[in-house]
């Protein structure tokens, strides 16, 4: 498949980045609407939080399977159908009148959304020559950083001026546009989806992954509200997660055609990238989670003011990512970027830990620029290094593993932060 150029490449970039941002926005956009949703649906706040949990569980199940599913159905077909599923589920979420109905559609939305992150990255990388992958990573990295930050801002604005169904319905025109652009402008790879008969479906591996990852995500999402291991449900789910994930690793290492080729972690580059991605995921998602709690509960910000105060400095700093991508495309080593990024983010975390409740609304701007630069310099090299040294046929799996680890890092970080915030706020 020839590398697209000009207008065709621009359309691919716009489509993939839009789809990735749409998926990441939906992770955090619901957070600011839970109170209104609980009142509208007539349920308590703990029950309505299943709207977040269902999406997260579906996401982390699908993301590591994207390589297998793209190979089995054909990457373009899988991507297009996933966008359609995400869009239809978004519409149905907005039309839901009961909690059970909303949670079911939210889970289906997460299944569709799981493909949008990893497959978007894979398609985007294929639109650039190997020597220009740094530029592609810089563009995609902007979406990775902007997405989780944009969610509370959009959600806050909608809740201030409209009602919660619009949080889901806003995806519909975007999803339709992305589907149309995908159908007409994203080309199929050579022999894409034609060797389906040669692929043996690893039902055991898929089942073990689904059980292990979903129960682990449940523990991380619901642990604090269930009082962790004092809850029998949490203890059982923890045991099931441990057994299922150990069995999953054992099965995947034994069979010839695993659903998730974890043998790729023999690649030292991918293995170390995965570790650092987990840590970076903790920083990215936890910082987006903790600050709104501080701003709204302690500083008295509205949800919209909170989102804007976080988004503005993030946008100011995130445009450094394409510049870093260009430097890496010209041969700059990724190691200094990662090192400086972790130092900057550590400085932000240290300074944030010593904030006074008397701070003003503009006092955090400089700190958030440091945060955005730190996250950008961490994430960008890790995105490119996830596929460095891998065979092209293994890109999708490597990208899927890397994105799953980022999401799990965020889940672990939020679980730890949620437990700490609950105790400190009390």
Protein backbone atom coordinates (compact mmCIF):
# COMPACT_ATOMS: atom_id res chain seq x y z
CA UNK A 1 0.00 0.00 0.00
CA UNK A 2 1.47 3.33 -1.08
CA UNK A 3 1.93 6.03 1.53
CA UNK A 4 -0.84 8.62 1.07
CA UNK A 5 0.11 12.20 0.31
CA UNK A 6 -1.38 15.67 0.31
CA UNK A 7 -5.13 15.90 0.84
CA UNK A 8 -5.56 12.16 1.43
CA UNK A 9 -2.95 12.17 4.21
CA UNK A 10 -4.54 15.25 5.80
CA UNK A 11 -7.94 13.54 5.87
CA UNK A 12 -6.44 10.42 7.47
CA UNK A 13 -4.73 12.54 10.13
CA UNK A 14 -7.95 14.45 10.90
CA UNK A 15 -10.07 11.28 10.98
CA UNK A 16 -7.78 9.23 13.22
CA UNK A 17 -7.02 12.05 15.66
CA UNK A 18 -10.71 12.98 15.92
CA UNK A 19 -11.68 9.36 16.61
CA UNK A 20 -8.94 8.95 19.24
CA UNK A 21 -9.85 12.20 21.00
CA UNK A 22 -13.55 11.23 20.92
CA UNK A 23 -12.72 7.94 22.67
CA UNK A 24 -10.51 9.60 25.30
CA UNK A 25 -12.96 12.44 25.94
CA UNK A 26 -15.66 9.91 26.77
CA UNK A 27 -13.52 8.46 29.55
CA UNK A 28 -13.71 11.68 31.57
CA UNK A 29 -16.64 13.70 30.19
CA UNK A 30 -19.23 11.83 32.27
CA UNK A 31 -17.48 12.58 35.58
CA UNK A 32 -18.93 16.09 35.89
CA UNK A 33 -22.49 14.91 35.13
CA UNK A 34 -22.94 12.13 37.68
CA UNK A 35 -24.90 14.25 40.18
CA UNK A 36 -27.39 15.44 37.54
CA UNK A 37 -27.70 11.95 36.08
CA UNK A 38 -28.42 10.41 39.49
CA UNK A 39 -31.20 12.92 40.11
CA UNK A 40 -32.68 12.51 36.62
CA UNK A 41 -32.62 8.69 36.76
CA UNK A 42 -33.74 8.48 40.40
CA UNK A 43 -30.70 6.54 41.66
CA UNK A 44 -27.90 7.30 44.11
CA UNK A 45 -24.45 8.54 43.07
CA UNK A 46 -22.74 5.18 43.72
CA UNK A 47 -25.14 3.35 41.41
CA UNK A 48 -24.82 5.90 38.61
CA UNK A 49 -21.02 5.58 38.74
CA UNK A 50 -21.54 2.27 36.90
CA UNK A 51 -21.86 4.48 33.82
CA UNK A 52 -18.10 5.14 34.17
CA UNK A 53 -17.20 1.61 35.26
CA UNK A 54 -19.03 -0.12 32.37
CA UNK A 55 -17.22 1.98 29.75
CA UNK A 56 -13.82 1.44 31.37
CA UNK A 57 -14.29 -2.34 31.61
CA UNK A 58 -15.34 -2.66 27.96
CA UNK A 59 -12.39 -0.48 26.91
CA UNK A 60 -9.67 -2.47 28.63
CA UNK A 61 -11.10 -5.77 27.36
CA UNK A 62 -11.15 -4.67 23.72
CA UNK A 63 -7.94 -2.61 23.49
CA UNK A 64 -5.47 -5.56 23.74
CA UNK A 65 -7.59 -7.55 21.27
CA UNK A 66 -7.54 -4.88 18.56
CA UNK A 67 -4.57 -6.45 16.77
CA UNK A 68 -6.32 -9.82 16.50
CA UNK A 69 -9.71 -8.35 15.59
CA UNK A 70 -8.19 -6.08 12.92
CA UNK A 71 -6.35 -9.06 11.41
CA UNK A 72 -9.45 -11.26 11.46
CA UNK A 73 -12.03 -8.81 10.08
CA UNK A 74 -9.67 -6.49 8.20
CA UNK A 75 -8.41 -3.30 9.77
CA UNK A 76 -10.57 -0.88 7.79
CA UNK A 77 -13.73 -2.97 8.29
CA UNK A 78 -13.07 -3.31 12.03
CA UNK A 79 -12.32 0.38 12.41
CA UNK A 80 -15.41 1.47 10.45
CA UNK A 81 -17.76 -0.88 12.31
CA UNK A 82 -16.29 0.21 15.65
CA UNK A 83 -16.97 3.88 14.82
CA UNK A 84 -20.55 2.97 13.87
CA UNK A 85 -21.05 0.95 17.08
CA UNK A 86 -19.64 3.82 19.14
CA UNK A 87 -21.89 6.35 17.41
CA UNK A 88 -25.11 4.29 17.70
CA UNK A 89 -24.36 3.48 21.35
CA UNK A 90 -23.73 7.18 22.05
CA UNK A 91 -27.16 8.04 20.61
CA UNK A 92 -28.82 5.29 22.66
CA UNK A 93 -27.05 6.48 25.83
CA UNK A 94 -28.53 9.93 25.26
CA UNK A 95 -32.00 8.40 24.80
CA UNK A 96 -31.82 6.15 27.89
CA UNK A 97 -34.46 6.65 30.58
CA UNK A 98 -33.23 4.12 33.14
CA UNK A 99 -29.89 3.25 34.75
CA UNK A 100 -29.73 -0.37 33.54
CA UNK A 101 -30.44 0.70 29.96
CA UNK A 102 -27.81 3.45 30.17
CA UNK A 103 -25.15 1.14 31.63
CA UNK A 104 -25.75 -1.50 28.91
CA UNK A 105 -25.41 1.06 26.11
CA UNK A 106 -22.40 2.60 27.84
CA UNK A 107 -20.72 -0.85 27.85
CA UNK A 108 -21.46 -1.25 24.12
CA UNK A 109 -20.08 2.25 23.55
CA UNK A 110 -16.86 1.15 25.31
CA UNK A 111 -16.61 -1.90 23.03
CA UNK A 112 -16.79 0.35 19.98
CA UNK A 113 -14.47 2.93 21.53
CA UNK A 114 -11.82 0.34 22.38
CA UNK A 115 -10.81 0.12 18.72
CA UNK A 116 -10.62 3.85 18.15
CA UNK A 117 -7.41 4.48 20.11
CA UNK A 118 -5.11 1.66 18.97
CA UNK A 119 -6.44 1.28 15.43
CA UNK A 120 -6.32 5.06 14.90
CA UNK A 121 -2.66 5.02 15.92
CA UNK A 122 -1.91 2.09 13.62
CA UNK A 123 -3.62 3.73 10.62
CA UNK A 124 -1.91 7.05 11.32
CA UNK A 125 1.54 5.45 11.53
CA UNK A 126 0.97 3.69 8.19
CA UNK A 127 0.19 7.07 6.60
CA UNK A 128 3.79 8.19 7.27
CA UNK A 129 7.10 6.87 6.05
CA UNK A 130 9.09 5.05 8.79
CA UNK A 131 11.53 7.96 9.02
CA UNK A 132 8.61 10.32 9.72
CA UNK A 133 7.01 8.22 12.48
CA UNK A 134 8.18 10.78 15.04
CA UNK A 135 5.95 13.39 13.38
CA UNK A 136 3.03 10.95 13.43
CA UNK A 137 3.65 10.27 17.11
CA UNK A 138 3.75 14.00 17.82
CA UNK A 139 0.37 14.50 16.16
CA UNK A 140 -1.17 11.47 17.88
CA UNK A 141 0.37 12.45 21.21
CA UNK A 142 -1.53 15.73 21.09
CA UNK A 143 -4.75 13.71 21.09
CA UNK A 144 -3.54 11.50 23.95
CA UNK A 145 -2.89 14.53 26.17
CA UNK A 146 -5.78 16.73 25.02
CA UNK A 147 -8.49 14.02 25.19
CA UNK A 148 -8.63 13.37 28.96
CA UNK A 149 -8.22 17.12 29.65
CA UNK A 150 -10.93 18.14 27.18
CA UNK A 151 -13.55 15.84 28.73
CA UNK A 152 -14.24 17.83 31.94
CA UNK A 153 -14.25 21.12 29.99
CA UNK A 154 -16.84 19.99 27.44
CA UNK A 155 -18.83 18.16 30.11
CA UNK A 156 -18.78 21.20 32.39
CA UNK A 157 -19.99 23.52 29.62
CA UNK A 158 -22.80 21.16 28.64
CA UNK A 159 -23.95 20.73 32.25
CA UNK A 160 -23.89 24.49 32.79
CA UNK A 161 -26.01 25.30 29.72
CA UNK A 162 -27.84 22.10 28.70
CA UNK A 163 -28.61 18.64 30.17
CA UNK A 164 -26.68 15.38 30.52
CA UNK A 165 -27.99 13.52 27.40
CA UNK A 166 -26.06 15.99 25.21
CA UNK A 167 -22.82 14.60 26.70
CA UNK A 168 -23.49 11.47 24.64
CA UNK A 169 -25.42 12.96 21.71
CA UNK A 170 -22.53 15.31 20.87
CA UNK A 171 -20.65 12.21 19.61
CA UNK A 172 -23.25 11.47 16.93
CA UNK A 173 -22.36 14.08 14.26
CA UNK A 174 -18.65 13.56 14.95
CA UNK A 175 -19.03 9.79 14.66
CA UNK A 176 -21.02 10.03 11.42
CA UNK A 177 -18.37 12.31 9.91
CA UNK A 178 -15.55 9.98 11.00
CA UNK A 179 -17.39 6.96 9.53
CA UNK A 180 -17.92 8.69 6.16
CA UNK A 181 -14.28 9.82 5.98
CA UNK A 182 -13.08 6.33 6.94
CA UNK A 183 -15.21 4.69 4.24
CA UNK A 184 -14.02 6.97 1.44
CA UNK A 185 -10.44 7.89 2.38
CA UNK A 186 -8.85 5.11 4.45
CA UNK A 187 -7.60 2.37 2.15
CA UNK A 188 -7.42 -1.30 2.93
CA UNK A 189 -4.00 -2.88 3.37
CA UNK A 190 -2.93 -5.53 0.89
CA UNK A 191 -4.75 -8.85 1.55
CA UNK A 192 -6.57 -7.20 4.47
CA UNK A 193 -9.19 -9.56 5.90
CA UNK A 194 -8.66 -12.15 3.14
CA UNK A 195 -6.80 -14.73 5.23
CA UNK A 196 -9.56 -15.16 7.81
CA UNK A 197 -9.64 -18.94 7.28
CA UNK A 198 -5.96 -19.14 8.27
CA UNK A 199 -6.61 -17.48 11.65
CA UNK A 200 -7.68 -19.78 14.46
CA UNK A 201 -9.76 -17.96 17.07
CA UNK A 202 -8.28 -18.27 20.55
CA UNK A 203 -11.55 -18.57 22.46
CA UNK A 204 -9.85 -19.62 25.71
CA UNK A 205 -7.43 -16.68 25.65
CA UNK A 206 -10.18 -14.18 24.84
CA UNK A 207 -12.40 -15.53 27.65
CA UNK A 208 -9.58 -15.46 30.22
CA UNK A 209 -8.57 -11.94 29.16
CA UNK A 210 -12.16 -10.69 29.38
CA UNK A 211 -12.67 -12.23 32.83
CA UNK A 212 -9.29 -11.17 34.20
CA UNK A 213 -9.22 -7.61 32.90
CA UNK A 214 -12.90 -6.89 33.66
CA UNK A 215 -12.66 -8.09 37.26
CA UNK A 216 -9.38 -6.21 37.77
CA UNK A 217 -10.92 -3.02 36.37
CA UNK A 218 -13.97 -3.55 38.60
CA UNK A 219 -11.74 -3.81 41.68
CA UNK A 220 -9.88 -0.62 40.73
CA UNK A 221 -13.03 1.34 39.86
CA UNK A 222 -15.20 0.20 42.78
CA UNK A 223 -12.65 -0.64 45.46
CA UNK A 224 -12.85 2.62 47.39
CA UNK A 225 -16.66 2.77 47.45
CA UNK A 226 -16.80 -0.90 48.53
CA UNK A 227 -14.18 -0.33 51.27
CA UNK A 228 -11.64 -2.49 49.46
CA UNK A 229 -10.85 -5.90 50.95
CA UNK A 230 -13.39 -5.62 53.74
CA UNK A 231 -15.89 -6.30 50.94
CA UNK A 232 -16.41 -9.94 49.98
CA UNK A 233 -17.19 -8.87 46.39
CA UNK A 234 -13.81 -7.14 46.07
CA UNK A 235 -11.99 -10.13 47.58
CA UNK A 236 -13.67 -12.56 45.17
CA UNK A 237 -13.07 -10.33 42.14
CA UNK A 238 -9.40 -9.86 43.11
CA UNK A 239 -8.92 -13.62 43.32
CA UNK A 240 -10.70 -14.21 40.01
CA UNK A 241 -8.62 -11.48 38.33
CA UNK A 242 -5.33 -12.96 39.58
CA UNK A 243 -6.21 -16.54 38.54
CA UNK A 244 -7.64 -15.53 35.14
CA UNK A 245 -4.71 -13.28 34.20
CA UNK A 246 -2.08 -15.85 35.23
CA UNK A 247 -3.95 -18.51 33.24
CA UNK A 248 -4.23 -16.08 30.29
CA UNK A 249 -0.45 -15.52 30.20
CA UNK A 250 0.18 -19.27 30.42
CA UNK A 251 -2.29 -20.06 27.59
CA UNK A 252 -1.02 -17.27 25.31
CA UNK A 253 2.57 -18.47 25.66
CA UNK A 254 1.60 -22.05 24.80
CA UNK A 255 -0.48 -21.72 21.64
CA UNK A 256 0.64 -20.88 18.11
CA UNK A 257 -2.00 -18.23 17.33
CA UNK A 258 -2.71 -16.30 20.54
CA UNK A 259 -5.38 -13.63 20.68
CA UNK A 260 -2.76 -11.31 22.20
CA UNK A 261 0.82 -12.07 21.26
CA UNK A 262 2.47 -11.32 24.60
CA UNK A 263 5.67 -12.90 23.30
CA UNK A 264 6.30 -9.47 21.81
CA UNK A 265 7.33 -8.41 25.31
CA UNK A 266 10.52 -10.40 24.67
CA UNK A 267 11.43 -7.31 22.70
CA UNK A 268 13.40 -5.34 25.27
CA UNK A 269 12.38 -2.01 23.76
CA UNK A 270 8.64 -2.79 24.00
CA UNK A 271 9.02 -4.28 27.50
CA UNK A 272 10.69 -1.16 28.94
CA UNK A 273 8.32 1.11 27.00
CA UNK A 274 5.38 -0.73 28.57
CA UNK A 275 6.73 -0.18 32.10
CA UNK A 276 7.25 3.53 31.52
CA UNK A 277 3.84 3.81 29.81
CA UNK A 278 2.20 2.38 32.93
CA UNK A 279 3.86 5.06 35.08
CA UNK A 280 3.02 7.78 32.55
CA UNK A 281 -0.61 6.59 32.52
CA UNK A 282 -0.77 7.01 36.29
CA UNK A 283 0.43 10.61 35.94
CA UNK A 284 -1.80 11.51 32.99
CA UNK A 285 -5.13 10.24 34.33
CA UNK A 286 -4.55 10.82 38.04
CA UNK A 287 -3.67 14.49 37.58
CA UNK A 288 -6.85 15.00 35.53
CA UNK A 289 -8.88 13.24 38.26
CA UNK A 290 -7.44 14.84 41.41
CA UNK A 291 -7.45 18.49 40.34
CA UNK A 292 -11.21 18.74 39.63
CA UNK A 293 -11.89 17.30 43.09
CA UNK A 294 -9.67 19.98 44.66
CA UNK A 295 -11.05 22.78 42.49
CA UNK A 296 -14.73 22.02 43.03
CA UNK A 297 -14.77 20.77 46.63
CA UNK A 298 -12.14 23.05 48.14
CA UNK A 299 -11.67 26.07 45.85
CA UNK A 300 -15.34 26.43 44.90
CA UNK A 301 -14.95 26.31 41.10
CA UNK A 302 -17.87 25.32 38.88
CA UNK A 303 -17.33 22.24 36.69
CA UNK A 304 -16.87 24.46 33.62
CA UNK A 305 -14.39 26.79 35.38
CA UNK A 306 -12.46 23.71 36.47
CA UNK A 307 -12.22 22.38 32.93
CA UNK A 308 -11.16 25.70 31.43
CA UNK A 309 -8.49 26.27 34.10
CA UNK A 310 -6.98 22.88 33.25
CA UNK A 311 -7.42 23.04 29.47
CA UNK A 312 -5.88 26.45 28.73
CA UNK A 313 -2.32 25.73 29.98
CA UNK A 314 -2.51 22.21 28.54
CA UNK A 315 -3.21 23.60 25.07
CA UNK A 316 -0.42 26.15 25.49
CA UNK A 317 2.13 23.45 26.18
CA UNK A 318 0.84 20.52 24.11
CA UNK A 319 1.78 22.16 20.81
CA UNK A 320 5.37 21.38 21.73
CA UNK A 321 4.65 17.74 20.76
CA UNK A 322 4.86 18.17 16.96
CA UNK A 323 8.18 19.99 17.46
CA UNK A 324 9.51 17.07 19.50
CA UNK A 325 8.18 14.70 16.85
CA UNK A 326 10.13 16.54 14.14
CA UNK A 327 13.31 16.40 16.24
CA UNK A 328 12.88 12.65 16.77
CA UNK A 329 12.24 12.14 13.05
CA UNK A 330 15.62 13.78 12.46
CA UNK A 331 17.33 11.27 14.75
CA UNK A 332 17.10 12.83 18.22
CA UNK A 333 17.27 10.21 20.99
CA UNK A 334 14.01 9.64 22.89
CA UNK A 335 15.81 9.02 26.20
CA UNK A 336 16.43 12.70 27.16
CA UNK A 337 12.79 13.57 26.41
CA UNK A 338 11.53 10.80 28.72
CA UNK A 339 13.99 11.75 31.47
CA UNK A 340 13.19 15.47 31.36
CA UNK A 341 9.46 14.68 31.13
CA UNK A 342 9.46 12.61 34.31
CA UNK A 343 11.51 15.30 36.12
CA UNK A 344 9.05 18.03 35.09
CA UNK A 345 6.03 15.96 36.10
CA UNK A 346 7.65 15.05 39.44
CA UNK A 347 8.25 18.77 40.06
CA UNK A 348 4.57 19.47 39.28
CA UNK A 349 3.45 16.69 41.64
CA UNK A 350 5.71 17.92 44.46
CA UNK A 351 4.52 21.52 44.11
CA UNK A 352 0.86 20.45 43.86
CA UNK A 353 1.15 18.40 47.05
CA UNK A 354 2.05 21.57 48.96
CA UNK A 355 -0.71 23.83 47.64
CA UNK A 356 -2.64 26.05 50.06
CA UNK A 357 -6.46 26.24 49.99
CA UNK A 358 -6.01 30.01 49.71
CA UNK A 359 -4.60 29.93 46.16
CA UNK A 360 -6.24 32.08 43.49
CA UNK A 361 -7.71 30.96 40.20
CA UNK A 362 -4.67 31.99 38.17
CA UNK A 363 -2.02 30.66 40.53
CA UNK A 364 -2.00 27.19 38.97
CA UNK A 365 -1.45 28.25 35.36
CA UNK A 366 2.35 27.94 35.47
CA UNK A 367 2.14 24.61 37.30
CA UNK A 368 -0.21 23.21 34.66
CA UNK A 369 2.14 24.26 31.86
CA UNK A 370 4.86 22.26 33.66
CA UNK A 371 2.44 19.33 33.95
CA UNK A 372 1.53 19.45 30.26
CA UNK A 373 5.16 19.68 29.14
CA UNK A 374 6.12 16.81 31.44
CA UNK A 375 3.35 14.56 30.18
CA UNK A 376 4.03 15.50 26.55
CA UNK A 377 7.74 14.72 26.85
CA UNK A 378 6.95 11.38 28.54
CA UNK A 379 4.19 10.25 26.21
CA UNK A 380 5.63 11.15 22.81
CA UNK A 381 8.78 8.96 22.89
CA UNK A 382 6.79 6.10 24.43
CA UNK A 383 4.30 6.21 21.55
CA UNK A 384 7.07 5.89 18.95
CA UNK A 385 9.06 3.31 20.91
CA UNK A 386 6.03 1.02 21.27
CA UNK A 387 6.57 -0.10 17.66
CA UNK A 388 10.32 0.49 17.27
CA UNK A 389 12.00 -2.79 16.39
CA UNK A 390 8.74 -4.66 15.75
CA UNK A 391 7.80 -6.28 12.46
CA UNK A 392 5.04 -4.28 10.70
CA UNK A 393 2.57 -7.17 11.16
CA UNK A 394 3.04 -6.85 14.93
CA UNK A 395 2.45 -3.09 15.11
CA UNK A 396 -1.24 -3.40 15.97
CA UNK A 397 -0.57 -5.81 18.84
CA UNK A 398 2.31 -3.74 20.20
CA UNK A 399 0.21 -0.57 20.05
CA UNK A 400 -2.75 -2.36 21.68
CA UNK A 401 -0.61 -3.65 24.56
CA UNK A 402 0.89 -0.22 25.08
CA UNK A 403 -2.50 1.52 25.14
CA UNK A 404 -4.00 -1.09 27.47
CA UNK A 405 -1.12 -0.60 29.91
CA UNK A 406 -1.64 3.18 29.79
CA UNK A 407 -5.34 2.74 30.62
CA UNK A 408 -4.55 0.30 33.44
CA UNK A 409 -1.91 2.68 34.79
CA UNK A 410 -4.61 5.35 34.89
CA UNK A 411 -7.02 2.98 36.64
CA UNK A 412 -4.42 2.08 39.29
CA UNK A 413 -3.50 5.74 39.79
CA UNK A 414 -7.13 6.87 40.12
CA UNK A 415 -7.88 4.04 42.56
CA UNK A 416 -4.96 5.08 44.78
CA UNK A 417 -5.82 8.79 44.47
CA UNK A 418 -9.51 8.19 45.12
CA UNK A 419 -8.72 6.32 48.33
CA UNK A 420 -6.35 9.11 49.46
CA UNK A 421 -8.73 11.95 48.53
CA UNK A 422 -11.65 10.29 50.35
CA UNK A 423 -9.60 10.04 53.56
CA UNK A 424 -8.14 13.56 53.27
CA UNK A 425 -11.47 15.18 52.41
CA UNK A 426 -13.15 13.42 55.36
